[in-house]
């Protein structure tokens, strides 16, 4: 697995939420399917932050927060 930062413009990135939504609609009632599209995911207000709670730095994790 390779984890990298992306601007959500590559075709492979577009395929991931589409596949996820197809699975959600196949397995869940429509009123239970909640997901943001790629545009909503781009400037939704989350910013990177350090670990919180009992989490510690981990090269396979990203910590983000959004001030409400």
PDB file of N, CA and C in Angstrom:
ATOM      1  N   UNK A   1       0.839  -1.160   0.000  1.00  0.00           N
ATOM      2  CA  UNK A   1       0.000   0.000   0.000  1.00  0.00           C
ATOM      3  C   UNK A   1       0.890   1.230   0.000  1.00  0.00           C
ATOM      4  N   UNK A   2       0.541   2.187  -0.833  1.00  0.00           N
ATOM      5  CA  UNK A   2       1.263   3.455  -0.879  1.00  0.00           C
ATOM      6  C   UNK A   2       0.282   4.568  -0.543  1.00  0.00           C
ATOM      7  N   UNK A   3       0.573   5.315   0.497  1.00  0.00           N
ATOM      8  CA  UNK A   3      -0.282   6.425   0.913  1.00  0.00           C
ATOM      9  C   UNK A   3       0.410   7.712   0.522  1.00  0.00           C
ATOM     10  N   UNK A   4      -0.306   8.591  -0.165  1.00  0.00           N
ATOM     11  CA  UNK A   4       0.283   9.851  -0.580  1.00  0.00           C
ATOM     12  C   UNK A   4      -0.772  10.948  -0.623  1.00  0.00           C
ATOM     13  N   UNK A   5      -0.321  12.175  -0.526  1.00  0.00           N
ATOM     14  CA  UNK A   5      -1.221  13.332  -0.619  1.00  0.00           C
ATOM     15  C   UNK A   5      -1.569  13.536  -2.084  1.00  0.00           C
ATOM     16  N   UNK A   6      -2.814  13.850  -2.363  1.00  0.00           N
ATOM     17  CA  UNK A   6      -3.277  14.024  -3.729  1.00  0.00           C
ATOM     18  C   UNK A   6      -4.273  15.168  -3.770  1.00  0.00           C
ATOM     19  N   UNK A   7      -4.423  15.780  -4.939  1.00  0.00           N
ATOM     20  CA  UNK A   7      -5.395  16.870  -5.083  1.00  0.00           C
ATOM     21  C   UNK A   7      -6.758  16.375  -5.561  1.00  0.00           C
ATOM     22  N   UNK A   8      -6.956  15.081  -5.562  1.00  0.00           N
ATOM     23  CA  UNK A   8      -8.213  14.420  -5.938  1.00  0.00           C
ATOM     24  C   UNK A   8      -8.553  14.573  -7.413  1.00  0.00           C
ATOM     25  N   UNK A   9      -7.541  14.702  -8.266  1.00  0.00           N
ATOM     26  CA  UNK A   9      -7.804  14.880  -9.693  1.00  0.00           C
ATOM     27  C   UNK A   9      -7.504  13.637 -10.533  1.00  0.00           C
ATOM     28  N   UNK A  10      -6.778  12.662 -10.002  1.00  0.00           N
ATOM     29  CA  UNK A  10      -6.414  11.485 -10.795  1.00  0.00           C
ATOM     30  C   UNK A  10      -7.598  10.534 -10.950  1.00  0.00           C
ATOM     31  N   UNK A  11      -7.704   9.857 -12.105  1.00  0.00           N
ATOM     32  CA  UNK A  11      -8.797   8.909 -12.330  1.00  0.00           C
ATOM     33  C   UNK A  11      -8.892   7.815 -11.269  1.00  0.00           C
ATOM     34  N   UNK A  12      -7.764   7.331 -10.792  1.00  0.00           N
ATOM     35  CA  UNK A  12      -7.800   6.279  -9.765  1.00  0.00           C
ATOM     36  C   UNK A  12      -8.444   6.791  -8.487  1.00  0.00           C
ATOM     37  N   UNK A  13      -8.252   8.064  -8.203  1.00  0.00           N
ATOM     38  CA  UNK A  13      -8.855   8.655  -7.012  1.00  0.00           C
ATOM     39  C   UNK A  13     -10.360   8.794  -7.208  1.00  0.00           C
ATOM     40  N   UNK A  14     -10.791   9.141  -8.417  1.00  0.00           N
ATOM     41  CA  UNK A  14     -12.225   9.244  -8.708  1.00  0.00           C
ATOM     42  C   UNK A  14     -12.908   7.888  -8.573  1.00  0.00           C
ATOM     43  N   UNK A  15     -12.190   6.831  -8.906  1.00  0.00           N
ATOM     44  CA  UNK A  15     -12.771   5.492  -8.854  1.00  0.00           C
ATOM     45  C   UNK A  15     -13.045   5.038  -7.422  1.00  0.00           C
ATOM     46  N   UNK A  16     -12.226   5.457  -6.480  1.00  0.00           N
ATOM     47  CA  UNK A  16     -12.373   4.989  -5.106  1.00  0.00           C
ATOM     48  C   UNK A  16     -13.713   5.382  -4.483  1.00  0.00           C
ATOM     49  N   UNK A  17     -14.096   6.669  -4.446  1.00  0.00           N
ATOM     50  CA  UNK A  17     -15.406   6.975  -3.857  1.00  0.00           C
ATOM     51  C   UNK A  17     -16.565   6.419  -4.676  1.00  0.00           C
ATOM     52  N   UNK A  18     -16.391   6.327  -6.007  1.00  0.00           N
ATOM     53  CA  UNK A  18     -17.457   5.745  -6.824  1.00  0.00           C
ATOM     54  C   UNK A  18     -17.690   4.283  -6.450  1.00  0.00           C
ATOM     55  N   UNK A  19     -16.606   3.546  -6.281  1.00  0.00           N
ATOM     56  CA  UNK A  19     -16.726   2.143  -5.873  1.00  0.00           C
ATOM     57  C   UNK A  19     -17.352   2.035  -4.482  1.00  0.00           C
ATOM     58  N   UNK A  20     -16.932   2.909  -3.597  1.00  0.00           N
ATOM     59  CA  UNK A  20     -17.478   2.920  -2.235  1.00  0.00           C
ATOM     60  C   UNK A  20     -18.985   3.203  -2.257  1.00  0.00           C
ATOM     61  N   UNK A  21     -19.405   4.198  -3.033  1.00  0.00           N
ATOM     62  CA  UNK A  21     -20.835   4.529  -3.112  1.00  0.00           C
ATOM     63  C   UNK A  21     -21.649   3.389  -3.717  1.00  0.00           C
ATOM     64  N   UNK A  22     -21.124   2.761  -4.746  1.00  0.00           N
ATOM     65  CA  UNK A  22     -21.832   1.623  -5.345  1.00  0.00           C
ATOM     66  C   UNK A  22     -22.053   0.532  -4.301  1.00  0.00           C
ATOM     67  N   UNK A  23     -21.032   0.274  -3.515  1.00  0.00           N
ATOM     68  CA  UNK A  23     -21.148  -0.737  -2.467  1.00  0.00           C
ATOM     69  C   UNK A  23     -22.155  -0.314  -1.411  1.00  0.00           C
ATOM     70  N   UNK A  24     -22.114   0.959  -1.039  1.00  0.00           N
ATOM     71  CA  UNK A  24     -23.063   1.448  -0.029  1.00  0.00           C
ATOM     72  C   UNK A  24     -24.502   1.299  -0.511  1.00  0.00           C
ATOM     73  N   UNK A  25     -24.757   1.687  -1.763  1.00  0.00           N
ATOM     74  CA  UNK A  25     -26.125   1.582  -2.292  1.00  0.00           C
ATOM     75  C   UNK A  25     -26.562   0.125  -2.443  1.00  0.00           C
ATOM     76  N   UNK A  26     -25.616  -0.773  -2.690  1.00  0.00           N
ATOM     77  CA  UNK A  26     -25.949  -2.188  -2.824  1.00  0.00           C
ATOM     78  C   UNK A  26     -26.266  -2.825  -1.473  1.00  0.00           C
ATOM     79  N   UNK A  27     -25.669  -2.302  -0.394  1.00  0.00           N
ATOM     80  CA  UNK A  27     -25.787  -2.948   0.912  1.00  0.00           C
ATOM     81  C   UNK A  27     -26.629  -2.186   1.933  1.00  0.00           C
ATOM     82  N   UNK A  28     -26.959  -0.934   1.642  1.00  0.00           N
ATOM     83  CA  UNK A  28     -27.655  -0.103   2.641  1.00  0.00           C
ATOM     84  C   UNK A  28     -28.907   0.514   2.046  1.00  0.00           C
ATOM     85  N   UNK A  29     -29.883   0.826   2.885  1.00  0.00           N
ATOM     86  CA  UNK A  29     -31.046   1.553   2.373  1.00  0.00           C
ATOM     87  C   UNK A  29     -30.604   2.953   1.935  1.00  0.00           C
ATOM     88  N   UNK A  30     -31.223   3.506   0.891  1.00  0.00           N
ATOM     89  CA  UNK A  30     -30.797   4.808   0.358  1.00  0.00           C
ATOM     90  C   UNK A  30     -30.710   5.915   1.412  1.00  0.00           C
ATOM     91  N   UNK A  31     -31.620   5.906   2.367  1.00  0.00           N
ATOM     92  CA  UNK A  31     -31.604   6.969   3.386  1.00  0.00           C
ATOM     93  C   UNK A  31     -30.425   6.845   4.355  1.00  0.00           C
ATOM     94  N   UNK A  32     -29.691   5.738   4.270  1.00  0.00           N
ATOM     95  CA  UNK A  32     -28.537   5.531   5.136  1.00  0.00           C
ATOM     96  C   UNK A  32     -27.207   5.765   4.423  1.00  0.00           C
ATOM     97  N   UNK A  33     -27.269   6.169   3.159  1.00  0.00           N
ATOM     98  CA  UNK A  33     -26.041   6.413   2.394  1.00  0.00           C
ATOM     99  C   UNK A  33     -25.692   7.894   2.502  1.00  0.00           C
ATOM    100  N   UNK A  34     -24.587   8.178   3.166  1.00  0.00           N
ATOM    101  CA  UNK A  34     -24.134   9.557   3.364  1.00  0.00           C
ATOM    102  C   UNK A  34     -22.676   9.655   2.945  1.00  0.00           C
ATOM    103  N   UNK A  35     -22.376  10.475   1.974  1.00  0.00           N
ATOM    104  CA  UNK A  35     -20.993  10.639   1.526  1.00  0.00           C
ATOM    105  C   UNK A  35     -20.849  11.982   0.824  1.00  0.00           C
ATOM    106  N   UNK A  36     -19.672  12.567   0.937  1.00  0.00           N
ATOM    107  CA  UNK A  36     -19.364  13.804   0.234  1.00  0.00           C
ATOM    108  C   UNK A  36     -18.778  13.459  -1.130  1.00  0.00           C
ATOM    109  N   UNK A  37     -19.090  14.288  -2.136  1.00  0.00           N
ATOM    110  CA  UNK A  37     -18.451  14.059  -3.429  1.00  0.00           C
ATOM    111  C   UNK A  37     -17.053  14.682  -3.407  1.00  0.00           C
ATOM    112  N   UNK A  38     -16.289  14.484  -4.474  1.00  0.00           N
ATOM    113  CA  UNK A  38     -14.896  14.930  -4.478  1.00  0.00           C
ATOM    114  C   UNK A  38     -14.754  16.440  -4.288  1.00  0.00           C
ATOM    115  N   UNK A  39     -15.641  17.225  -4.893  1.00  0.00           N
ATOM    116  CA  UNK A  39     -15.566  18.675  -4.702  1.00  0.00           C
ATOM    117  C   UNK A  39     -15.766  19.048  -3.243  1.00  0.00           C
ATOM    118  N   UNK A  40     -16.711  18.408  -2.589  1.00  0.00           N
ATOM    119  CA  UNK A  40     -16.964  18.701  -1.172  1.00  0.00           C
ATOM    120  C   UNK A  40     -15.796  18.259  -0.299  1.00  0.00           C
ATOM    121  N   UNK A  41     -15.094  17.226  -0.695  1.00  0.00           N
ATOM    122  CA  UNK A  41     -13.961  16.741   0.083  1.00  0.00           C
ATOM    123  C   UNK A  41     -12.737  17.648  -0.047  1.00  0.00           C
ATOM    124  N   UNK A  42     -12.565  18.402  -1.188  1.00  0.00           N
ATOM    125  CA  UNK A  42     -11.388  19.213  -1.447  1.00  0.00           C
ATOM    126  C   UNK A  42     -11.180  20.271  -0.410  1.00  0.00           C
ATOM    127  N   UNK A  43     -12.071  21.411   0.020  1.00  0.00           N
ATOM    128  CA  UNK A  43     -11.803  22.562   0.904  1.00  0.00           C
ATOM    129  C   UNK A  43     -12.814  22.559   2.017  1.00  0.00           C
ATOM    130  N   UNK A  44     -13.196  21.260   2.534  1.00  0.00           N
ATOM    131  CA  UNK A  44     -14.259  21.084   3.521  1.00  0.00           C
ATOM    132  C   UNK A  44     -13.895  21.670   4.876  1.00  0.00           C
ATOM    133  N   UNK A  45     -12.684  22.139   5.066  1.00  0.00           N
ATOM    134  CA  UNK A  45     -12.308  22.811   6.299  1.00  0.00           C
ATOM    135  C   UNK A  45     -11.388  22.046   7.216  1.00  0.00           C
ATOM    136  N   UNK A  46     -11.000  20.831   6.840  1.00  0.00           N
ATOM    137  CA  UNK A  46     -10.091  20.061   7.683  1.00  0.00           C
ATOM    138  C   UNK A  46      -8.665  20.549   7.479  1.00  0.00           C
ATOM    139  N   UNK A  47      -7.898  20.568   8.546  1.00  0.00           N
ATOM    140  CA  UNK A  47      -6.487  20.927   8.493  1.00  0.00           C
ATOM    141  C   UNK A  47      -5.692  19.853   9.227  1.00  0.00           C
ATOM    142  N   UNK A  48      -4.450  19.700   8.822  1.00  0.00           N
ATOM    143  CA  UNK A  48      -3.585  18.726   9.477  1.00  0.00           C
ATOM    144  C   UNK A  48      -3.272  19.183  10.898  1.00  0.00           C
ATOM    145  N   UNK A  49      -3.119  18.237  11.779  1.00  0.00           N
ATOM    146  CA  UNK A  49      -2.788  18.533  13.167  1.00  0.00           C
ATOM    147  C   UNK A  49      -1.942  17.392  13.713  1.00  0.00           C
ATOM    148  N   UNK A  50      -1.471  17.547  14.915  1.00  0.00           N
ATOM    149  CA  UNK A  50      -0.718  16.486  15.565  1.00  0.00           C
ATOM    150  C   UNK A  50      -1.647  15.439  16.143  1.00  0.00           C
ATOM    151  N   UNK A  51      -1.080  14.366  16.676  1.00  0.00           N
ATOM    152  CA  UNK A  51      -1.891  13.322  17.297  1.00  0.00           C
ATOM    153  C   UNK A  51      -2.721  13.878  18.447  1.00  0.00           C
ATOM    154  N   UNK A  52      -3.842  13.272  18.683  1.00  0.00           N
ATOM    155  CA  UNK A  52      -4.729  13.709  19.767  1.00  0.00           C
ATOM    156  C   UNK A  52      -5.148  12.504  20.591  1.00  0.00           C
ATOM    157  N   UNK A  53      -5.695  12.779  21.755  1.00  0.00           N
ATOM    158  CA  UNK A  53      -6.084  11.687  22.648  1.00  0.00           C
ATOM    159  C   UNK A  53      -4.869  10.850  23.004  1.00  0.00           C
ATOM    160  N   UNK A  54      -5.000   9.561  22.904  1.00  0.00           N
ATOM    161  CA  UNK A  54      -3.897   8.661  23.234  1.00  0.00           C
ATOM    162  C   UNK A  54      -3.123   8.204  21.995  1.00  0.00           C
ATOM    163  N   UNK A  55      -3.424   8.797  20.825  1.00  0.00           N
ATOM    164  CA  UNK A  55      -2.704   8.439  19.608  1.00  0.00           C
ATOM    165  C   UNK A  55      -1.278   8.982  19.665  1.00  0.00           C
ATOM    166  N   UNK A  56      -0.380   8.337  18.938  1.00  0.00           N
ATOM    167  CA  UNK A  56       0.998   8.806  18.823  1.00  0.00           C
ATOM    168  C   UNK A  56       1.336   8.954  17.345  1.00  0.00           C
ATOM    169  N   UNK A  57       2.433   9.659  17.052  1.00  0.00           N
ATOM    170  CA  UNK A  57       2.874   9.808  15.665  1.00  0.00           C
ATOM    171  C   UNK A  57       3.017   8.428  15.032  1.00  0.00           C
ATOM    172  N   UNK A  58       2.596   8.310  13.780  1.00  0.00           N
ATOM    173  CA  UNK A  58       2.647   7.042  13.075  1.00  0.00           C
ATOM    174  C   UNK A  58       2.818   7.365  11.589  1.00  0.00           C
ATOM    175  N   UNK A  59       3.813   6.797  10.915  1.00  0.00           N
ATOM    176  CA  UNK A  59       4.012   7.115   9.491  1.00  0.00           C
ATOM    177  C   UNK A  59       2.861   6.651   8.603  1.00  0.00           C
ATOM    178  N   UNK A  60       1.978   5.815   9.118  1.00  0.00           N
ATOM    179  CA  UNK A  60       0.837   5.334   8.340  1.00  0.00           C
ATOM    180  C   UNK A  60      -0.464   6.011   8.712  1.00  0.00           C
ATOM    181  N   UNK A  61      -0.375   7.086   9.475  1.00  0.00           N
ATOM    182  CA  UNK A  61      -1.578   7.798   9.906  1.00  0.00           C
ATOM    183  C   UNK A  61      -1.480   9.276   9.590  1.00  0.00           C
ATOM    184  N   UNK A  62      -2.622   9.884   9.388  1.00  0.00           N
ATOM    185  CA  UNK A  62      -2.725  11.329   9.196  1.00  0.00           C
ATOM    186  C   UNK A  62      -3.730  11.818  10.207  1.00  0.00           C
ATOM    187  N   UNK A  63      -3.416  12.891  10.888  1.00  0.00           N
ATOM    188  CA  UNK A  63      -4.331  13.467  11.862  1.00  0.00           C
ATOM    189  C   UNK A  63      -4.852  14.794  11.309  1.00  0.00           C
ATOM    190  N   UNK A  64      -6.156  14.937  11.360  1.00  0.00           N
ATOM    191  CA  UNK A  64      -6.783  16.149  10.850  1.00  0.00           C
ATOM    192  C   UNK A  64      -7.856  16.593  11.826  1.00  0.00           C
ATOM    193  N   UNK A  65      -8.143  17.883  11.773  1.00  0.00           N
ATOM    194  CA  UNK A  65      -9.169  18.437  12.633  1.00  0.00           C
ATOM    195  C   UNK A  65      -9.927  19.518  11.890  1.00  0.00           C
ATOM    196  N   UNK A  66     -11.081  19.882  12.402  1.00  0.00           N
ATOM    197  CA  UNK A  66     -11.856  20.981  11.827  1.00  0.00           C
ATOM    198  C   UNK A  66     -12.478  21.740  12.995  1.00  0.00           C
ATOM    199  N   UNK A  67     -12.217  23.013  13.036  1.00  0.00           N
ATOM    200  CA  UNK A  67     -12.790  23.847  14.090  1.00  0.00           C
ATOM    201  C   UNK A  67     -14.257  24.111  13.775  1.00  0.00           C
ATOM    202  N   UNK A  68     -15.121  23.813  14.721  1.00  0.00           N
ATOM    203  CA  UNK A  68     -16.555  24.021  14.517  1.00  0.00           C
ATOM    204  C   UNK A  68     -17.003  25.337  15.108  1.00  0.00           C
TER     205      UNK A  68
END
